[in-house]
Amino acid sequence: MASFQARTSREPGRTVIRLTGECDLAVRERLTGTLLAAVDAAPIVVVDLAAVEFLDSTGIHALVAAHHRARAADGRLYLVNAAGSVAALLELTGVGELLRHPEGGTG
């Protein structure tokens, strides 16, 4: 099992979250807390999924919840660098299109 990590960095005008490992039920609280804290602190949050090996419905739920929180505050949450089965799931659910970064897709 790949261990989950979330690294947050602040850049001018945005926060970048780099996720690693598996985003599933076991890390739901940490993932959701990290995403919500980021959207509360910055108008633009970019979630880098390049190192995510597995994403399930709880991970999708956390991303969508953070998206709704960001939009309620006139902010945005974007996904970048998804690949393989993670990208496929995002596209299948429509979340990939919903959270697509304007400068590059989720795949």
N, C-alpha and C. Protein backbone atom coordinates (compact mmCIF):
# COMPACT_ATOMS: atom_id res chain seq x y z
N MET A 1 0.84 -1.18 0.00
CA MET A 1 0.00 0.00 0.00
C MET A 1 0.88 1.25 0.00
N ALA A 2 0.62 2.15 -0.91
CA ALA A 2 1.38 3.40 -1.00
C ALA A 2 0.91 4.35 0.08
N SER A 3 1.85 4.97 0.75
CA SER A 3 1.47 5.90 1.80
C SER A 3 1.01 7.21 1.19
N PHE A 4 0.05 7.83 1.83
CA PHE A 4 -0.52 9.09 1.37
C PHE A 4 0.28 10.25 1.93
N GLN A 5 0.54 11.24 1.08
CA GLN A 5 1.16 12.48 1.52
C GLN A 5 0.50 13.62 0.77
N ALA A 6 0.42 14.76 1.44
CA ALA A 6 -0.07 15.99 0.82
C ALA A 6 0.91 17.09 1.18
N ARG A 7 1.58 17.61 0.16
CA ARG A 7 2.54 18.70 0.38
C ARG A 7 1.92 19.97 -0.19
N THR A 8 1.87 21.00 0.65
CA THR A 8 1.26 22.26 0.26
C THR A 8 2.33 23.33 0.16
N SER A 9 2.29 24.08 -0.93
CA SER A 9 3.20 25.22 -1.07
C SER A 9 2.39 26.42 -1.54
N ARG A 10 2.81 27.57 -1.08
CA ARG A 10 2.14 28.80 -1.47
C ARG A 10 2.97 29.51 -2.52
N GLU A 11 2.30 29.93 -3.56
CA GLU A 11 2.92 30.69 -4.63
C GLU A 11 2.12 31.97 -4.79
N PRO A 12 2.65 32.97 -5.46
CA PRO A 12 1.89 34.22 -5.63
C PRO A 12 0.50 33.97 -6.22
N GLY A 13 -0.52 34.30 -5.47
CA GLY A 13 -1.90 34.19 -5.95
C GLY A 13 -2.52 32.81 -5.92
N ARG A 14 -1.78 31.81 -5.45
CA ARG A 14 -2.34 30.46 -5.44
C ARG A 14 -1.62 29.55 -4.46
N THR A 15 -2.29 28.45 -4.17
CA THR A 15 -1.70 27.38 -3.36
C THR A 15 -1.63 26.14 -4.23
N VAL A 16 -0.53 25.42 -4.14
CA VAL A 16 -0.36 24.17 -4.87
C VAL A 16 -0.29 23.03 -3.86
N ILE A 17 -1.10 22.01 -4.09
CA ILE A 17 -1.09 20.80 -3.26
C ILE A 17 -0.61 19.65 -4.12
N ARG A 18 0.47 19.02 -3.71
CA ARG A 18 0.99 17.86 -4.41
C ARG A 18 0.64 16.61 -3.61
N LEU A 19 -0.23 15.79 -4.20
CA LEU A 19 -0.67 14.57 -3.53
C LEU A 19 0.17 13.39 -4.00
N THR A 20 0.41 12.46 -3.08
CA THR A 20 1.19 11.26 -3.37
C THR A 20 0.50 10.06 -2.76
N GLY A 21 0.52 8.95 -3.46
CA GLY A 21 0.02 7.70 -2.90
C GLY A 21 -1.42 7.42 -3.25
N GLU A 22 -2.16 6.93 -2.27
CA GLU A 22 -3.54 6.51 -2.47
C GLU A 22 -4.50 7.45 -1.77
N CYS A 23 -5.48 7.95 -2.51
CA CYS A 23 -6.51 8.84 -1.96
C CYS A 23 -7.78 8.01 -1.84
N ASP A 24 -7.96 7.41 -0.66
CA ASP A 24 -9.07 6.51 -0.44
C ASP A 24 -9.66 6.73 0.95
N LEU A 25 -10.53 5.84 1.37
CA LEU A 25 -11.23 5.96 2.64
C LEU A 25 -10.29 6.11 3.82
N ALA A 26 -9.15 5.46 3.76
CA ALA A 26 -8.21 5.50 4.88
C ALA A 26 -7.65 6.90 5.14
N VAL A 27 -7.64 7.76 4.13
CA VAL A 27 -7.06 9.10 4.29
C VAL A 27 -8.09 10.20 4.07
N ARG A 28 -9.35 9.83 4.08
CA ARG A 28 -10.43 10.79 3.79
C ARG A 28 -10.34 12.06 4.61
N GLU A 29 -10.17 11.93 5.92
CA GLU A 29 -10.14 13.11 6.80
C GLU A 29 -8.96 14.01 6.48
N ARG A 30 -7.78 13.42 6.31
CA ARG A 30 -6.58 14.22 5.99
C ARG A 30 -6.71 14.91 4.65
N LEU A 31 -7.17 14.18 3.65
CA LEU A 31 -7.32 14.74 2.31
C LEU A 31 -8.33 15.88 2.32
N THR A 32 -9.49 15.64 2.87
CA THR A 32 -10.53 16.67 2.91
C THR A 32 -10.07 17.88 3.69
N GLY A 33 -9.46 17.66 4.84
CA GLY A 33 -8.97 18.77 5.66
C GLY A 33 -7.92 19.61 4.93
N THR A 34 -7.01 18.95 4.24
CA THR A 34 -5.97 19.65 3.49
C THR A 34 -6.57 20.49 2.38
N LEU A 35 -7.49 19.90 1.63
CA LEU A 35 -8.11 20.63 0.51
C LEU A 35 -8.95 21.81 1.00
N LEU A 36 -9.75 21.60 2.03
CA LEU A 36 -10.61 22.68 2.53
C LEU A 36 -9.79 23.81 3.14
N ALA A 37 -8.73 23.48 3.85
CA ALA A 37 -7.86 24.52 4.41
C ALA A 37 -7.23 25.34 3.30
N ALA A 38 -6.84 24.69 2.22
CA ALA A 38 -6.22 25.40 1.10
C ALA A 38 -7.19 26.35 0.42
N VAL A 39 -8.41 25.89 0.17
CA VAL A 39 -9.37 26.78 -0.51
C VAL A 39 -9.83 27.90 0.40
N ASP A 40 -9.76 27.70 1.70
CA ASP A 40 -10.09 28.78 2.63
C ASP A 40 -8.99 29.83 2.69
N ALA A 41 -7.77 29.45 2.32
CA ALA A 41 -6.61 30.34 2.44
C ALA A 41 -6.20 31.03 1.14
N ALA A 42 -6.65 30.52 0.00
CA ALA A 42 -6.19 31.08 -1.28
C ALA A 42 -7.33 31.07 -2.29
N PRO A 43 -7.37 32.06 -3.17
CA PRO A 43 -8.43 32.10 -4.17
C PRO A 43 -8.29 31.05 -5.26
N ILE A 44 -7.07 30.60 -5.50
CA ILE A 44 -6.83 29.56 -6.51
C ILE A 44 -6.01 28.45 -5.86
N VAL A 45 -6.51 27.23 -6.01
CA VAL A 45 -5.80 26.06 -5.50
C VAL A 45 -5.60 25.10 -6.67
N VAL A 46 -4.36 24.67 -6.86
CA VAL A 46 -4.02 23.72 -7.90
C VAL A 46 -3.60 22.42 -7.21
N VAL A 47 -4.28 21.34 -7.55
CA VAL A 47 -3.98 20.03 -6.97
C VAL A 47 -3.24 19.20 -8.02
N ASP A 48 -2.00 18.88 -7.72
CA ASP A 48 -1.15 18.11 -8.61
C ASP A 48 -1.29 16.63 -8.28
N LEU A 49 -1.80 15.87 -9.24
CA LEU A 49 -2.08 14.45 -9.03
C LEU A 49 -1.05 13.53 -9.67
N ALA A 50 0.09 14.05 -10.09
CA ALA A 50 1.09 13.26 -10.81
C ALA A 50 1.52 12.02 -10.05
N ALA A 51 1.61 12.08 -8.74
CA ALA A 51 2.10 10.95 -7.94
C ALA A 51 0.98 10.18 -7.24
N VAL A 52 -0.27 10.43 -7.63
CA VAL A 52 -1.39 9.68 -7.04
C VAL A 52 -1.52 8.36 -7.80
N GLU A 53 -1.46 7.27 -7.04
CA GLU A 53 -1.52 5.93 -7.63
C GLU A 53 -2.92 5.36 -7.64
N PHE A 54 -3.78 5.85 -6.74
CA PHE A 54 -5.13 5.31 -6.63
C PHE A 54 -6.05 6.40 -6.12
N LEU A 55 -7.23 6.48 -6.69
CA LEU A 55 -8.25 7.44 -6.28
C LEU A 55 -9.58 6.72 -6.30
N ASP A 56 -10.33 6.80 -5.20
CA ASP A 56 -11.64 6.17 -5.18
C ASP A 56 -12.72 7.23 -4.95
N SER A 57 -13.93 6.78 -4.69
CA SER A 57 -15.06 7.72 -4.55
C SER A 57 -14.88 8.68 -3.39
N THR A 58 -14.18 8.28 -2.33
CA THR A 58 -13.97 9.22 -1.22
C THR A 58 -13.00 10.32 -1.64
N GLY A 59 -12.03 10.00 -2.47
CA GLY A 59 -11.13 11.01 -3.01
C GLY A 59 -11.86 11.96 -3.93
N ILE A 60 -12.72 11.41 -4.79
CA ILE A 60 -13.55 12.24 -5.68
C ILE A 60 -14.43 13.16 -4.84
N HIS A 61 -15.04 12.63 -3.80
CA HIS A 61 -15.91 13.43 -2.93
C HIS A 61 -15.13 14.59 -2.30
N ALA A 62 -13.93 14.33 -1.83
CA ALA A 62 -13.12 15.38 -1.21
C ALA A 62 -12.81 16.48 -2.23
N LEU A 63 -12.47 16.11 -3.45
CA LEU A 63 -12.18 17.10 -4.49
C LEU A 63 -13.41 17.94 -4.83
N VAL A 64 -14.56 17.29 -4.95
CA VAL A 64 -15.78 18.01 -5.28
C VAL A 64 -16.21 18.93 -4.12
N ALA A 65 -16.08 18.44 -2.88
CA ALA A 65 -16.41 19.28 -1.72
C ALA A 65 -15.53 20.53 -1.67
N ALA A 66 -14.24 20.35 -1.96
CA ALA A 66 -13.33 21.49 -1.97
C ALA A 66 -13.67 22.44 -3.12
N HIS A 67 -14.05 21.89 -4.25
CA HIS A 67 -14.48 22.72 -5.39
C HIS A 67 -15.68 23.59 -5.00
N HIS A 68 -16.67 22.98 -4.36
CA HIS A 68 -17.86 23.74 -3.94
C HIS A 68 -17.50 24.83 -2.93
N ARG A 69 -16.62 24.51 -1.99
CA ARG A 69 -16.19 25.51 -1.01
C ARG A 69 -15.47 26.66 -1.71
N ALA A 70 -14.60 26.33 -2.65
CA ALA A 70 -13.86 27.36 -3.39
C ALA A 70 -14.82 28.25 -4.18
N ARG A 71 -15.76 27.65 -4.88
CA ARG A 71 -16.71 28.43 -5.69
C ARG A 71 -17.58 29.33 -4.81
N ALA A 72 -17.96 28.86 -3.63
CA ALA A 72 -18.76 29.67 -2.71
C ALA A 72 -18.01 30.92 -2.27
N ALA A 73 -16.68 30.86 -2.29
CA ALA A 73 -15.85 31.99 -1.90
C ALA A 73 -15.28 32.71 -3.14
N ASP A 74 -15.89 32.48 -4.31
CA ASP A 74 -15.42 33.06 -5.58
C ASP A 74 -14.00 32.65 -5.92
N GLY A 75 -13.61 31.44 -5.50
CA GLY A 75 -12.30 30.91 -5.83
C GLY A 75 -12.41 29.76 -6.81
N ARG A 76 -11.28 29.12 -7.08
CA ARG A 76 -11.26 27.99 -8.00
C ARG A 76 -10.31 26.92 -7.49
N LEU A 77 -10.66 25.69 -7.77
CA LEU A 77 -9.80 24.55 -7.49
C LEU A 77 -9.60 23.82 -8.82
N TYR A 78 -8.35 23.58 -9.17
CA TYR A 78 -8.02 22.91 -10.43
C TYR A 78 -7.20 21.66 -10.17
N LEU A 79 -7.32 20.69 -11.08
CA LEU A 79 -6.52 19.47 -11.04
C LEU A 79 -5.55 19.48 -12.21
N VAL A 80 -4.32 19.01 -11.96
CA VAL A 80 -3.33 18.88 -13.03
C VAL A 80 -2.59 17.56 -12.88
N ASN A 81 -2.07 17.08 -14.00
CA ASN A 81 -1.14 15.95 -14.06
C ASN A 81 -1.69 14.59 -13.65
N ALA A 82 -2.98 14.39 -13.76
CA ALA A 82 -3.53 13.05 -13.50
C ALA A 82 -3.13 12.13 -14.65
N ALA A 83 -2.90 10.87 -14.34
CA ALA A 83 -2.51 9.91 -15.37
C ALA A 83 -3.14 8.55 -15.08
N GLY A 84 -3.14 7.70 -16.07
CA GLY A 84 -3.58 6.32 -15.91
C GLY A 84 -5.00 6.19 -15.40
N SER A 85 -5.17 5.28 -14.45
CA SER A 85 -6.51 5.00 -13.92
C SER A 85 -7.10 6.20 -13.18
N VAL A 86 -6.25 7.05 -12.60
CA VAL A 86 -6.75 8.25 -11.91
C VAL A 86 -7.38 9.19 -12.94
N ALA A 87 -6.70 9.43 -14.04
CA ALA A 87 -7.24 10.29 -15.11
C ALA A 87 -8.52 9.68 -15.68
N ALA A 88 -8.53 8.37 -15.86
CA ALA A 88 -9.71 7.70 -16.41
C ALA A 88 -10.91 7.87 -15.49
N LEU A 89 -10.72 7.71 -14.19
CA LEU A 89 -11.81 7.88 -13.24
C LEU A 89 -12.31 9.32 -13.23
N LEU A 90 -11.40 10.28 -13.27
CA LEU A 90 -11.80 11.69 -13.29
C LEU A 90 -12.63 12.00 -14.53
N GLU A 91 -12.25 11.46 -15.66
CA GLU A 91 -13.00 11.69 -16.89
C GLU A 91 -14.34 10.97 -16.86
N LEU A 92 -14.35 9.74 -16.37
CA LEU A 92 -15.58 8.96 -16.30
C LEU A 92 -16.63 9.64 -15.43
N THR A 93 -16.20 10.24 -14.33
CA THR A 93 -17.13 10.89 -13.40
C THR A 93 -17.47 12.32 -13.79
N GLY A 94 -16.74 12.89 -14.75
CA GLY A 94 -16.96 14.28 -15.13
C GLY A 94 -16.18 15.27 -14.29
N VAL A 95 -15.51 14.78 -13.26
CA VAL A 95 -14.75 15.66 -12.37
C VAL A 95 -13.52 16.21 -13.09
N GLY A 96 -12.95 15.44 -13.98
CA GLY A 96 -11.80 15.91 -14.74
C GLY A 96 -12.13 17.16 -15.55
N GLU A 97 -13.27 17.14 -16.21
CA GLU A 97 -13.69 18.31 -16.99
C GLU A 97 -14.08 19.47 -16.08
N LEU A 98 -14.79 19.18 -15.01
CA LEU A 98 -15.23 20.20 -14.07
C LEU A 98 -14.05 20.97 -13.48
N LEU A 99 -12.97 20.26 -13.16
CA LEU A 99 -11.84 20.88 -12.46
C LEU A 99 -10.60 21.03 -13.35
N ARG A 100 -10.79 20.99 -14.66
CA ARG A 100 -9.67 21.09 -15.59
C ARG A 100 -9.03 22.48 -15.50
N HIS A 101 -7.72 22.48 -15.39
CA HIS A 101 -6.97 23.75 -15.34
C HIS A 101 -7.00 24.36 -16.74
N PRO A 102 -7.19 25.68 -16.85
CA PRO A 102 -7.26 26.29 -18.18
C PRO A 102 -5.96 26.20 -18.98
N GLU A 103 -4.84 25.97 -18.32
CA GLU A 103 -3.56 25.88 -19.03
C GLU A 103 -3.12 24.45 -19.31
N GLY A 104 -3.94 23.49 -18.95
CA GLY A 104 -3.58 22.10 -19.19
C GLY A 104 -4.61 21.18 -18.57
N GLY A 105 -4.79 20.03 -19.14
CA GLY A 105 -5.82 19.10 -18.69
C GLY A 105 -5.41 18.31 -17.48
N THR A 106 -6.26 17.38 -17.12
CA THR A 106 -5.98 16.50 -16.00
C THR A 106 -5.24 15.26 -16.45
N GLY A 107 -5.02 15.09 -17.72
CA GLY A 107 -4.41 13.85 -18.19
C GLY A 107 -3.05 13.98 -18.71
